[in-house]
N, C-alpha and C. Protein backbone atom coordinates (compact mmCIF):
# COMPACT_ATOMS: atom_id res chain seq x y z
N MET A 1 22.42 -4.80 73.50
CA MET A 1 22.09 -3.75 72.53
C MET A 1 21.94 -2.41 73.24
N VAL A 2 22.57 -1.35 72.72
CA VAL A 2 22.50 -0.03 73.32
C VAL A 2 21.22 0.66 72.88
N SER A 3 20.46 1.16 73.84
CA SER A 3 19.19 1.80 73.52
C SER A 3 19.43 3.17 72.91
N ARG A 4 18.43 3.66 72.18
CA ARG A 4 18.53 5.00 71.58
C ARG A 4 18.63 6.06 72.67
N ARG A 5 17.89 5.86 73.79
CA ARG A 5 17.94 6.82 74.89
C ARG A 5 19.34 6.90 75.48
N SER A 6 19.99 5.73 75.65
CA SER A 6 21.34 5.70 76.19
C SER A 6 22.31 6.40 75.25
N THR A 7 22.17 6.16 73.95
CA THR A 7 23.03 6.80 72.95
C THR A 7 22.85 8.31 72.97
N THR A 8 21.60 8.77 73.11
CA THR A 8 21.32 10.20 73.17
C THR A 8 21.96 10.84 74.39
N LYS A 9 21.88 10.16 75.54
CA LYS A 9 22.49 10.69 76.76
C LYS A 9 24.01 10.81 76.61
N GLN A 10 24.62 9.80 75.97
CA GLN A 10 26.07 9.84 75.76
C GLN A 10 26.44 11.03 74.88
N TRP A 11 25.63 11.27 73.83
CA TRP A 11 25.90 12.38 72.91
C TRP A 11 25.79 13.71 73.65
N VAL A 12 24.74 13.86 74.49
CA VAL A 12 24.55 15.09 75.24
C VAL A 12 25.72 15.34 76.18
N ARG A 13 26.18 14.29 76.88
CA ARG A 13 27.33 14.43 77.78
C ARG A 13 28.59 14.82 77.02
N ARG A 14 28.79 14.18 75.87
CA ARG A 14 29.98 14.48 75.07
C ARG A 14 29.96 15.93 74.59
N GLN A 15 28.78 16.40 74.14
CA GLN A 15 28.68 17.77 73.67
C GLN A 15 28.94 18.76 74.80
N ALA A 16 28.40 18.45 75.99
CA ALA A 16 28.56 19.35 77.13
C ALA A 16 30.02 19.47 77.56
N ALA A 17 30.80 18.38 77.36
CA ALA A 17 32.19 18.37 77.78
C ALA A 17 33.15 18.82 76.68
N ASP A 18 32.65 19.03 75.48
CA ASP A 18 33.50 19.35 74.34
C ASP A 18 33.86 20.83 74.33
N PRO A 19 35.15 21.18 74.49
CA PRO A 19 35.53 22.60 74.52
C PRO A 19 35.27 23.32 73.21
N TYR A 20 35.30 22.58 72.09
CA TYR A 20 35.07 23.22 70.79
C TYR A 20 33.60 23.58 70.59
N VAL A 21 32.70 22.86 71.24
CA VAL A 21 31.29 23.23 71.20
C VAL A 21 31.10 24.58 71.87
N LYS A 22 31.75 24.76 73.02
CA LYS A 22 31.66 26.04 73.74
C LYS A 22 32.30 27.16 72.93
N GLN A 23 33.46 26.89 72.32
CA GLN A 23 34.12 27.90 71.50
C GLN A 23 33.26 28.26 70.29
N ARG A 24 32.62 27.26 69.70
CA ARG A 24 31.75 27.51 68.55
C ARG A 24 30.64 28.49 68.91
N GLU A 25 30.05 28.28 70.07
CA GLU A 25 28.97 29.15 70.50
C GLU A 25 29.46 30.58 70.71
N ARG A 26 30.65 30.70 71.32
CA ARG A 26 31.19 32.05 71.57
C ARG A 26 31.57 32.75 70.27
N ALA A 27 32.13 31.98 69.32
CA ALA A 27 32.61 32.57 68.06
C ALA A 27 31.49 32.79 67.05
N GLY A 28 30.34 32.16 67.27
CA GLY A 28 29.23 32.32 66.34
C GLY A 28 29.32 31.45 65.11
N TYR A 29 30.13 30.40 65.17
CA TYR A 29 30.21 29.47 64.04
C TYR A 29 29.01 28.53 64.05
N ARG A 30 28.65 28.09 62.88
CA ARG A 30 27.46 27.23 62.75
C ARG A 30 27.76 25.77 63.06
N SER A 31 29.01 25.40 63.07
CA SER A 31 29.39 24.03 63.42
C SER A 31 30.79 24.03 64.00
N ARG A 32 31.09 23.01 64.83
CA ARG A 32 32.44 22.90 65.40
C ARG A 32 33.46 22.53 64.33
N ALA A 33 32.97 22.08 63.15
CA ALA A 33 33.87 21.76 62.04
C ALA A 33 34.65 22.99 61.58
N ALA A 34 34.15 24.18 61.90
CA ALA A 34 34.87 25.40 61.53
C ALA A 34 36.29 25.39 62.08
N PHE A 35 36.46 24.83 63.29
CA PHE A 35 37.79 24.82 63.91
C PHE A 35 38.73 23.86 63.19
N LYS A 36 38.19 22.80 62.60
CA LYS A 36 39.03 21.89 61.83
C LYS A 36 39.63 22.62 60.63
N LEU A 37 38.78 23.37 59.94
CA LEU A 37 39.28 24.12 58.78
C LEU A 37 40.28 25.18 59.22
N LYS A 38 40.01 25.88 60.31
CA LYS A 38 40.93 26.92 60.77
C LYS A 38 42.30 26.32 61.09
N GLU A 39 42.33 25.16 61.74
CA GLU A 39 43.60 24.51 62.07
C GLU A 39 44.39 24.16 60.81
N ILE A 40 43.68 23.60 59.83
CA ILE A 40 44.35 23.20 58.59
C ILE A 40 44.85 24.41 57.82
N LEU A 41 44.07 25.48 57.80
CA LEU A 41 44.48 26.69 57.09
C LEU A 41 45.72 27.31 57.73
N GLU A 42 45.79 27.28 59.05
CA GLU A 42 46.96 27.83 59.73
C GLU A 42 48.23 27.05 59.38
N ARG A 43 48.07 25.76 59.15
CA ARG A 43 49.23 24.93 58.85
C ARG A 43 49.59 24.94 57.36
N ASP A 44 48.58 24.89 56.51
CA ASP A 44 48.84 24.66 55.08
C ASP A 44 48.64 25.88 54.18
N ARG A 45 48.14 26.98 54.73
CA ARG A 45 48.04 28.23 53.96
C ARG A 45 47.33 28.02 52.62
N LEU A 46 46.15 27.47 52.66
CA LEU A 46 45.44 27.13 51.43
C LEU A 46 44.66 28.30 50.83
N ILE A 47 44.33 29.27 51.65
CA ILE A 47 43.48 30.37 51.18
C ILE A 47 44.28 31.67 51.17
N ARG A 48 44.13 32.40 50.08
CA ARG A 48 44.76 33.72 49.98
C ARG A 48 43.66 34.76 49.80
N LYS A 49 43.98 35.99 50.11
CA LYS A 49 43.04 37.08 49.91
C LYS A 49 42.64 37.17 48.43
N GLY A 50 41.35 37.32 48.20
CA GLY A 50 40.87 37.43 46.83
C GLY A 50 40.72 36.10 46.12
N GLY A 51 40.88 34.99 46.82
CA GLY A 51 40.80 33.67 46.19
C GLY A 51 39.37 33.27 45.81
N TYR A 52 39.29 32.31 44.92
CA TYR A 52 38.01 31.74 44.50
C TYR A 52 37.91 30.32 45.05
N ILE A 53 36.82 30.05 45.76
CA ILE A 53 36.69 28.79 46.50
C ILE A 53 35.35 28.13 46.23
N LEU A 54 35.37 26.82 46.08
CA LEU A 54 34.16 26.01 45.95
C LEU A 54 34.05 25.12 47.18
N ASP A 55 32.93 25.27 47.91
CA ASP A 55 32.69 24.53 49.15
C ASP A 55 31.60 23.50 48.90
N LEU A 56 31.98 22.22 48.85
CA LEU A 56 31.04 21.14 48.56
C LEU A 56 30.56 20.49 49.85
N GLY A 57 29.25 20.28 49.96
CA GLY A 57 28.68 19.74 51.19
C GLY A 57 28.74 20.78 52.29
N SER A 58 28.32 21.99 51.99
CA SER A 58 28.60 23.16 52.83
C SER A 58 27.70 23.31 54.06
N SER A 59 26.46 22.87 53.98
CA SER A 59 25.51 23.12 55.08
C SER A 59 25.98 22.45 56.38
N PRO A 60 25.85 23.12 57.52
CA PRO A 60 25.15 24.38 57.79
C PRO A 60 25.95 25.64 57.52
N GLY A 61 27.22 25.52 57.12
CA GLY A 61 27.96 26.70 56.71
C GLY A 61 29.19 27.05 57.52
N GLY A 62 29.62 26.17 58.42
CA GLY A 62 30.79 26.46 59.25
C GLY A 62 32.04 26.72 58.43
N TRP A 63 32.29 25.88 57.43
CA TRP A 63 33.49 26.07 56.61
C TRP A 63 33.37 27.32 55.75
N SER A 64 32.19 27.59 55.21
CA SER A 64 32.01 28.79 54.40
C SER A 64 32.24 30.05 55.22
N GLN A 65 31.83 30.04 56.49
CA GLN A 65 32.08 31.18 57.37
C GLN A 65 33.57 31.47 57.50
N VAL A 66 34.34 30.43 57.76
CA VAL A 66 35.79 30.58 57.91
C VAL A 66 36.43 31.04 56.61
N ALA A 67 36.04 30.43 55.51
CA ALA A 67 36.61 30.76 54.21
C ALA A 67 36.28 32.18 53.79
N ALA A 68 35.05 32.63 54.06
CA ALA A 68 34.64 33.98 53.68
C ALA A 68 35.48 35.02 54.40
N THR A 69 35.80 34.78 55.66
CA THR A 69 36.65 35.70 56.41
C THR A 69 38.07 35.70 55.84
N ALA A 70 38.55 34.52 55.44
CA ALA A 70 39.93 34.38 54.97
C ALA A 70 40.17 35.05 53.62
N ILE A 71 39.20 35.01 52.71
CA ILE A 71 39.44 35.55 51.36
C ILE A 71 39.21 37.05 51.29
N GLY A 72 38.43 37.60 52.20
CA GLY A 72 38.17 39.03 52.16
C GLY A 72 37.19 39.41 51.07
N ALA A 73 37.06 40.72 50.84
CA ALA A 73 36.02 41.25 49.95
C ALA A 73 36.28 40.95 48.48
N GLY A 74 37.52 40.74 48.09
CA GLY A 74 37.82 40.57 46.67
C GLY A 74 37.67 39.17 46.14
N GLY A 75 37.37 38.20 47.00
CA GLY A 75 37.26 36.82 46.56
C GLY A 75 35.84 36.40 46.29
N LYS A 76 35.68 35.09 46.05
CA LYS A 76 34.34 34.56 45.78
C LYS A 76 34.25 33.14 46.30
N ILE A 77 33.15 32.84 46.98
CA ILE A 77 32.88 31.49 47.45
C ILE A 77 31.53 31.04 46.92
N VAL A 78 31.52 29.85 46.34
CA VAL A 78 30.27 29.20 45.95
C VAL A 78 30.14 27.95 46.81
N ALA A 79 29.06 27.88 47.56
CA ALA A 79 28.80 26.75 48.45
C ALA A 79 27.64 25.93 47.89
N VAL A 80 27.76 24.60 48.03
CA VAL A 80 26.77 23.70 47.44
C VAL A 80 26.39 22.63 48.45
N ASP A 81 25.09 22.36 48.56
CA ASP A 81 24.64 21.27 49.43
C ASP A 81 23.24 20.85 49.02
N LEU A 82 22.93 19.58 49.32
CA LEU A 82 21.57 19.08 49.13
C LEU A 82 20.60 19.75 50.10
N LEU A 83 21.10 20.08 51.28
CA LEU A 83 20.28 20.68 52.33
C LEU A 83 20.33 22.20 52.21
N PRO A 84 19.28 22.87 52.67
CA PRO A 84 19.30 24.34 52.66
C PRO A 84 20.36 24.89 53.61
N MET A 85 20.79 26.11 53.36
CA MET A 85 21.77 26.76 54.20
C MET A 85 21.38 28.23 54.36
N GLU A 86 21.38 28.71 55.59
CA GLU A 86 21.08 30.11 55.84
C GLU A 86 22.16 30.99 55.18
N PRO A 87 21.77 32.14 54.66
CA PRO A 87 22.73 33.00 53.94
C PRO A 87 23.93 33.39 54.79
N ILE A 88 25.07 33.51 54.11
CA ILE A 88 26.31 33.99 54.70
C ILE A 88 26.83 35.11 53.82
N SER A 89 27.18 36.22 54.41
CA SER A 89 27.69 37.35 53.64
C SER A 89 28.92 36.95 52.84
N GLY A 90 28.90 37.23 51.54
CA GLY A 90 30.03 36.92 50.68
C GLY A 90 30.03 35.52 50.12
N VAL A 91 28.97 34.76 50.38
CA VAL A 91 28.90 33.36 49.91
C VAL A 91 27.66 33.19 49.04
N ASP A 92 27.86 32.65 47.83
CA ASP A 92 26.75 32.31 46.94
C ASP A 92 26.41 30.84 47.14
N PHE A 93 25.17 30.56 47.50
CA PHE A 93 24.77 29.20 47.82
C PHE A 93 23.91 28.59 46.72
N ILE A 94 24.23 27.33 46.40
CA ILE A 94 23.43 26.54 45.45
C ILE A 94 22.88 25.33 46.18
N GLU A 95 21.57 25.22 46.25
CA GLU A 95 20.96 24.04 46.85
C GLU A 95 20.73 23.00 45.74
N GLY A 96 21.49 21.92 45.80
CA GLY A 96 21.39 20.93 44.74
C GLY A 96 22.33 19.77 44.96
N ASP A 97 22.19 18.75 44.14
CA ASP A 97 23.00 17.53 44.19
C ASP A 97 24.18 17.67 43.25
N CYS A 98 25.38 17.53 43.78
CA CYS A 98 26.59 17.68 42.96
C CYS A 98 26.70 16.62 41.87
N ARG A 99 25.90 15.57 41.98
CA ARG A 99 25.91 14.53 40.95
C ARG A 99 25.07 14.90 39.75
N ASP A 100 24.29 15.97 39.86
CA ASP A 100 23.39 16.39 38.78
C ASP A 100 24.08 17.39 37.86
N ALA A 101 23.86 17.21 36.57
CA ALA A 101 24.46 18.11 35.59
C ALA A 101 23.97 19.55 35.78
N ASP A 102 22.72 19.70 36.21
CA ASP A 102 22.17 21.04 36.41
C ASP A 102 22.92 21.79 37.51
N THR A 103 23.25 21.07 38.59
CA THR A 103 24.00 21.69 39.68
C THR A 103 25.40 22.09 39.22
N LEU A 104 26.06 21.23 38.48
CA LEU A 104 27.39 21.55 37.96
C LEU A 104 27.34 22.75 37.02
N HIS A 105 26.27 22.83 36.23
CA HIS A 105 26.10 23.99 35.34
C HIS A 105 25.96 25.28 36.14
N LYS A 106 25.21 25.22 37.25
CA LYS A 106 25.03 26.40 38.10
C LYS A 106 26.36 26.82 38.74
N ILE A 107 27.16 25.83 39.13
CA ILE A 107 28.49 26.16 39.69
C ILE A 107 29.32 26.89 38.65
N GLY A 108 29.35 26.34 37.44
CA GLY A 108 30.12 26.97 36.37
C GLY A 108 29.64 28.37 36.06
N ALA A 109 28.32 28.57 36.10
CA ALA A 109 27.76 29.89 35.82
C ALA A 109 28.17 30.90 36.88
N GLN A 110 28.28 30.45 38.13
CA GLN A 110 28.69 31.36 39.21
C GLN A 110 30.13 31.84 39.02
N PHE A 111 31.00 30.95 38.59
CA PHE A 111 32.41 31.33 38.45
C PHE A 111 32.73 31.93 37.08
N GLY A 112 31.86 31.69 36.11
CA GLY A 112 32.11 32.22 34.78
C GLY A 112 33.36 31.65 34.15
N GLU A 113 34.19 32.51 33.63
CA GLU A 113 35.43 32.07 32.96
C GLU A 113 36.53 31.74 33.96
N ARG A 114 36.32 32.06 35.22
CA ARG A 114 37.37 31.93 36.24
C ARG A 114 37.40 30.53 36.84
N SER A 115 38.56 29.90 36.84
CA SER A 115 38.74 28.63 37.54
C SER A 115 38.91 28.92 39.03
N VAL A 116 38.72 27.91 39.87
CA VAL A 116 38.81 28.13 41.32
C VAL A 116 40.20 27.78 41.83
N ASP A 117 40.58 28.44 42.92
CA ASP A 117 41.89 28.21 43.52
C ASP A 117 41.87 27.03 44.49
N LEU A 118 40.69 26.78 45.07
CA LEU A 118 40.60 25.77 46.12
C LEU A 118 39.21 25.16 46.15
N VAL A 119 39.16 23.84 46.24
CA VAL A 119 37.92 23.11 46.51
C VAL A 119 38.02 22.54 47.91
N ILE A 120 37.02 22.82 48.75
CA ILE A 120 36.98 22.26 50.10
C ILE A 120 35.73 21.41 50.24
N SER A 121 35.87 20.29 50.96
CA SER A 121 34.72 19.39 51.11
C SER A 121 34.75 18.71 52.47
N ASP A 122 33.72 19.00 53.25
CA ASP A 122 33.51 18.32 54.53
C ASP A 122 32.31 17.37 54.41
N ILE A 123 32.03 16.98 53.19
CA ILE A 123 30.84 16.21 52.87
C ILE A 123 30.94 14.78 53.40
N ALA A 124 29.81 14.23 53.81
CA ALA A 124 29.75 12.83 54.26
C ALA A 124 28.33 12.31 54.05
N PRO A 125 28.20 11.05 53.66
CA PRO A 125 26.86 10.48 53.47
C PRO A 125 26.25 10.08 54.82
N ASN A 126 24.98 9.76 54.81
CA ASN A 126 24.33 9.23 56.01
C ASN A 126 24.93 7.87 56.36
N ILE A 127 25.14 7.63 57.64
CA ILE A 127 25.72 6.37 58.11
C ILE A 127 24.62 5.32 58.25
N THR A 128 24.87 4.15 57.69
CA THR A 128 23.90 3.05 57.79
C THR A 128 24.25 2.09 58.91
N GLY A 129 25.55 2.07 59.30
CA GLY A 129 26.01 1.08 60.27
C GLY A 129 26.46 -0.22 59.63
N ILE A 130 26.26 -0.34 58.32
CA ILE A 130 26.72 -1.51 57.57
C ILE A 130 28.05 -1.12 56.92
N ARG A 131 29.14 -1.71 57.39
CA ARG A 131 30.48 -1.24 57.03
C ARG A 131 30.70 -1.19 55.51
N ASP A 132 30.36 -2.26 54.80
CA ASP A 132 30.61 -2.30 53.36
C ASP A 132 29.81 -1.22 52.62
N VAL A 133 28.58 -1.02 53.06
CA VAL A 133 27.73 0.01 52.44
C VAL A 133 28.29 1.40 52.72
N ASP A 134 28.67 1.64 53.98
CA ASP A 134 29.21 2.94 54.35
C ASP A 134 30.50 3.24 53.59
N GLU A 135 31.37 2.24 53.46
CA GLU A 135 32.61 2.45 52.73
C GLU A 135 32.33 2.81 51.28
N ALA A 136 31.43 2.08 50.65
CA ALA A 136 31.11 2.34 49.25
C ALA A 136 30.55 3.76 49.09
N ASN A 137 29.68 4.17 50.01
CA ASN A 137 29.08 5.50 49.92
C ASN A 137 30.12 6.60 50.12
N PHE A 138 31.01 6.42 51.10
CA PHE A 138 32.06 7.40 51.36
C PHE A 138 32.98 7.55 50.16
N LEU A 139 33.41 6.43 49.60
CA LEU A 139 34.35 6.48 48.49
C LEU A 139 33.69 7.02 47.23
N GLU A 140 32.39 6.76 47.07
CA GLU A 140 31.67 7.33 45.92
C GLU A 140 31.66 8.85 46.00
N LEU A 141 31.37 9.37 47.19
CA LEU A 141 31.37 10.82 47.37
C LEU A 141 32.77 11.41 47.21
N ALA A 142 33.77 10.72 47.74
CA ALA A 142 35.15 11.20 47.61
C ALA A 142 35.56 11.29 46.14
N LYS A 143 35.19 10.27 45.38
CA LYS A 143 35.49 10.28 43.94
C LYS A 143 34.76 11.42 43.25
N LEU A 144 33.53 11.67 43.66
CA LEU A 144 32.77 12.78 43.09
C LEU A 144 33.48 14.11 43.35
N VAL A 145 33.95 14.30 44.57
CA VAL A 145 34.65 15.55 44.92
C VAL A 145 35.92 15.72 44.09
N SER A 146 36.69 14.65 43.92
CA SER A 146 37.92 14.76 43.13
C SER A 146 37.61 15.01 41.66
N ASP A 147 36.53 14.43 41.14
CA ASP A 147 36.13 14.67 39.75
C ASP A 147 35.71 16.12 39.55
N ILE A 148 34.93 16.66 40.49
CA ILE A 148 34.50 18.06 40.39
C ILE A 148 35.70 18.98 40.52
N SER A 149 36.63 18.65 41.39
CA SER A 149 37.85 19.45 41.53
C SER A 149 38.61 19.49 40.22
N THR A 150 38.72 18.36 39.56
CA THR A 150 39.40 18.29 38.27
C THR A 150 38.73 19.21 37.25
N GLN A 151 37.42 19.31 37.35
CA GLN A 151 36.66 20.13 36.40
C GLN A 151 36.84 21.63 36.63
N PHE A 152 36.96 22.04 37.89
CA PHE A 152 36.90 23.47 38.19
C PHE A 152 38.22 24.10 38.68
N LEU A 153 39.18 23.30 39.10
CA LEU A 153 40.41 23.88 39.66
C LEU A 153 41.31 24.51 38.60
N VAL A 154 41.95 25.60 38.98
CA VAL A 154 42.98 26.20 38.17
C VAL A 154 44.25 25.35 38.30
N ALA A 155 45.12 25.40 37.28
CA ALA A 155 46.40 24.70 37.38
C ALA A 155 47.17 25.23 38.58
N GLY A 156 47.64 24.33 39.43
CA GLY A 156 48.33 24.71 40.64
C GLY A 156 47.42 24.87 41.84
N GLY A 157 46.10 24.69 41.63
CA GLY A 157 45.14 24.83 42.71
C GLY A 157 45.19 23.67 43.70
N SER A 158 44.34 23.75 44.71
CA SER A 158 44.37 22.78 45.81
C SER A 158 42.99 22.23 46.12
N MET A 159 42.98 21.06 46.75
CA MET A 159 41.75 20.43 47.21
C MET A 159 41.93 20.00 48.65
N LEU A 160 40.93 20.26 49.47
CA LEU A 160 40.91 19.79 50.86
C LEU A 160 39.65 18.96 51.03
N ILE A 161 39.82 17.69 51.42
CA ILE A 161 38.69 16.78 51.49
C ILE A 161 38.72 15.96 52.78
N LYS A 162 37.53 15.79 53.37
CA LYS A 162 37.41 14.90 54.52
C LYS A 162 37.26 13.47 54.03
N LEU A 163 38.02 12.56 54.65
CA LEU A 163 37.93 11.14 54.34
C LEU A 163 37.75 10.35 55.63
N PHE A 164 37.34 9.11 55.48
CA PHE A 164 37.24 8.19 56.60
C PHE A 164 38.07 6.95 56.28
N GLN A 165 38.73 6.42 57.28
CA GLN A 165 39.64 5.31 57.06
C GLN A 165 38.87 4.01 56.84
N PHE A 166 38.90 3.55 55.61
CA PHE A 166 38.35 2.26 55.21
C PHE A 166 39.42 1.53 54.42
N PRO A 167 39.24 0.25 54.15
CA PRO A 167 40.24 -0.48 53.35
C PRO A 167 40.54 0.16 52.00
N GLY A 168 39.54 0.79 51.38
CA GLY A 168 39.76 1.38 50.06
C GLY A 168 40.25 2.82 50.08
N THR A 169 40.36 3.42 51.27
CA THR A 169 40.72 4.83 51.35
C THR A 169 42.16 5.08 50.90
N ASP A 170 43.09 4.23 51.29
CA ASP A 170 44.49 4.43 50.93
C ASP A 170 44.68 4.41 49.42
N SER A 171 43.94 3.55 48.74
CA SER A 171 44.02 3.50 47.28
C SER A 171 43.52 4.81 46.67
N TYR A 172 42.45 5.35 47.24
CA TYR A 172 41.93 6.63 46.76
C TYR A 172 42.99 7.73 46.91
N VAL A 173 43.65 7.77 48.06
CA VAL A 173 44.67 8.79 48.30
C VAL A 173 45.84 8.62 47.35
N ARG A 174 46.25 7.39 47.11
CA ARG A 174 47.36 7.14 46.16
C ARG A 174 47.00 7.65 44.77
N ASP A 175 45.76 7.45 44.36
CA ASP A 175 45.34 7.89 43.03
C ASP A 175 45.41 9.41 42.88
N LEU A 176 45.23 10.14 43.98
CA LEU A 176 45.30 11.59 43.92
C LEU A 176 46.68 12.07 43.50
N LYS A 177 47.70 11.26 43.78
CA LYS A 177 49.07 11.65 43.45
C LYS A 177 49.28 11.79 41.94
N GLU A 178 48.39 11.20 41.15
CA GLU A 178 48.49 11.33 39.70
C GLU A 178 48.09 12.73 39.23
N SER A 179 47.31 13.45 40.05
CA SER A 179 46.79 14.76 39.65
C SER A 179 47.37 15.93 40.43
N TYR A 180 48.01 15.65 41.58
CA TYR A 180 48.50 16.73 42.43
C TYR A 180 49.98 16.57 42.72
N ASP A 181 50.65 17.69 42.92
CA ASP A 181 52.08 17.68 43.16
C ASP A 181 52.43 17.18 44.55
N SER A 182 51.56 17.46 45.54
CA SER A 182 51.84 17.00 46.89
C SER A 182 50.54 16.61 47.60
N ILE A 183 50.65 15.59 48.46
CA ILE A 183 49.51 15.07 49.22
C ILE A 183 49.92 14.99 50.70
N ALA A 184 49.08 15.51 51.58
CA ALA A 184 49.36 15.43 53.02
C ALA A 184 48.08 15.05 53.76
N ARG A 185 48.24 14.20 54.77
CA ARG A 185 47.12 13.80 55.62
C ARG A 185 47.15 14.64 56.90
N ARG A 186 45.97 15.10 57.31
CA ARG A 186 45.87 15.93 58.51
C ARG A 186 44.77 15.39 59.44
N LYS A 187 45.07 15.42 60.73
CA LYS A 187 44.09 15.07 61.77
C LYS A 187 44.08 16.23 62.76
N PRO A 188 43.17 17.21 62.57
CA PRO A 188 43.16 18.39 63.45
C PRO A 188 42.90 18.02 64.90
N GLU A 189 43.38 18.85 65.81
CA GLU A 189 43.13 18.65 67.23
C GLU A 189 41.63 18.65 67.53
N SER A 190 40.86 19.41 66.77
CA SER A 190 39.42 19.51 67.00
C SER A 190 38.65 18.33 66.43
N SER A 191 39.34 17.44 65.74
CA SER A 191 38.70 16.20 65.28
C SER A 191 38.75 15.19 66.42
N ARG A 192 37.60 14.65 66.77
CA ARG A 192 37.55 13.74 67.91
C ARG A 192 38.43 12.52 67.66
N ARG A 193 39.19 12.14 68.69
CA ARG A 193 40.14 11.02 68.57
C ARG A 193 39.43 9.71 68.24
N SER A 194 38.19 9.57 68.67
CA SER A 194 37.44 8.34 68.41
C SER A 194 36.94 8.25 66.97
N SER A 195 37.01 9.35 66.25
CA SER A 195 36.51 9.37 64.87
C SER A 195 37.56 8.83 63.91
N ARG A 196 37.10 8.13 62.87
CA ARG A 196 38.00 7.64 61.82
C ARG A 196 38.25 8.68 60.75
N GLU A 197 37.70 9.86 60.93
CA GLU A 197 37.88 10.89 59.91
C GLU A 197 39.30 11.45 59.92
N PHE A 198 39.76 11.84 58.76
CA PHE A 198 40.98 12.61 58.61
C PHE A 198 40.81 13.46 57.35
N TYR A 199 41.75 14.32 57.11
CA TYR A 199 41.64 15.23 55.97
C TYR A 199 42.86 15.10 55.08
N VAL A 200 42.64 15.24 53.79
CA VAL A 200 43.73 15.22 52.83
C VAL A 200 43.86 16.60 52.19
N VAL A 201 45.06 17.13 52.24
CA VAL A 201 45.39 18.38 51.58
C VAL A 201 46.17 18.02 50.31
N ALA A 202 45.57 18.32 49.16
CA ALA A 202 46.20 18.02 47.87
C ALA A 202 46.54 19.35 47.19
N LYS A 203 47.82 19.59 46.96
CA LYS A 203 48.27 20.86 46.39
C LYS A 203 48.90 20.64 45.01
N GLY A 204 48.91 21.69 44.23
CA GLY A 204 49.60 21.66 42.94
C GLY A 204 48.87 20.86 41.89
N PHE A 205 47.59 21.15 41.70
CA PHE A 205 46.80 20.40 40.71
C PHE A 205 47.37 20.60 39.30
N GLY A 206 47.59 19.49 38.63
CA GLY A 206 47.98 19.52 37.23
C GLY A 206 49.39 19.99 36.97
N ILE A 207 50.26 19.98 38.00
CA ILE A 207 51.64 20.43 37.74
C ILE A 207 52.62 19.37 38.24
């Protein structure tokens, strides 16, 4: 059995050797996940100037930082998380549970009559270490993100979501094809090779 102290030492060594951790500190990003979004945006061109974006599971704000720079002054970002998030210029933050009707109402109030161009989600549940439980929790959150995207996306809009490879993940991705014109899987260079995470870029909602 691996001790907690040993696990902590491994994490510290990994962080110290991680070039993206150093880049994050230099760039002032709140998380190294910012580089994952930047890589995907460079490849898939998901954000345009003046766009409207919904960031689900936003805290601590790395993705919102990148998105706010990309849309410029004419756009709007609404970020949502259960955890608090320090303010980011150009980002409206809602602290709440996306499963609650009150939180969804607040999202709608922020955007008003305007549908969003892009939903981004780097959200993930707490890991229990029990594979079946973790898979169920991940897929529940993924389904929640796709349902919220259906509610708020403009026709032709896009969704970017983090997923983890489980037996049920491929079925989830196949189901997205019913709502989007194109589906692509991405594994950014800044995503650790040992991680089962990958990202799905879904474009052309409702067309």
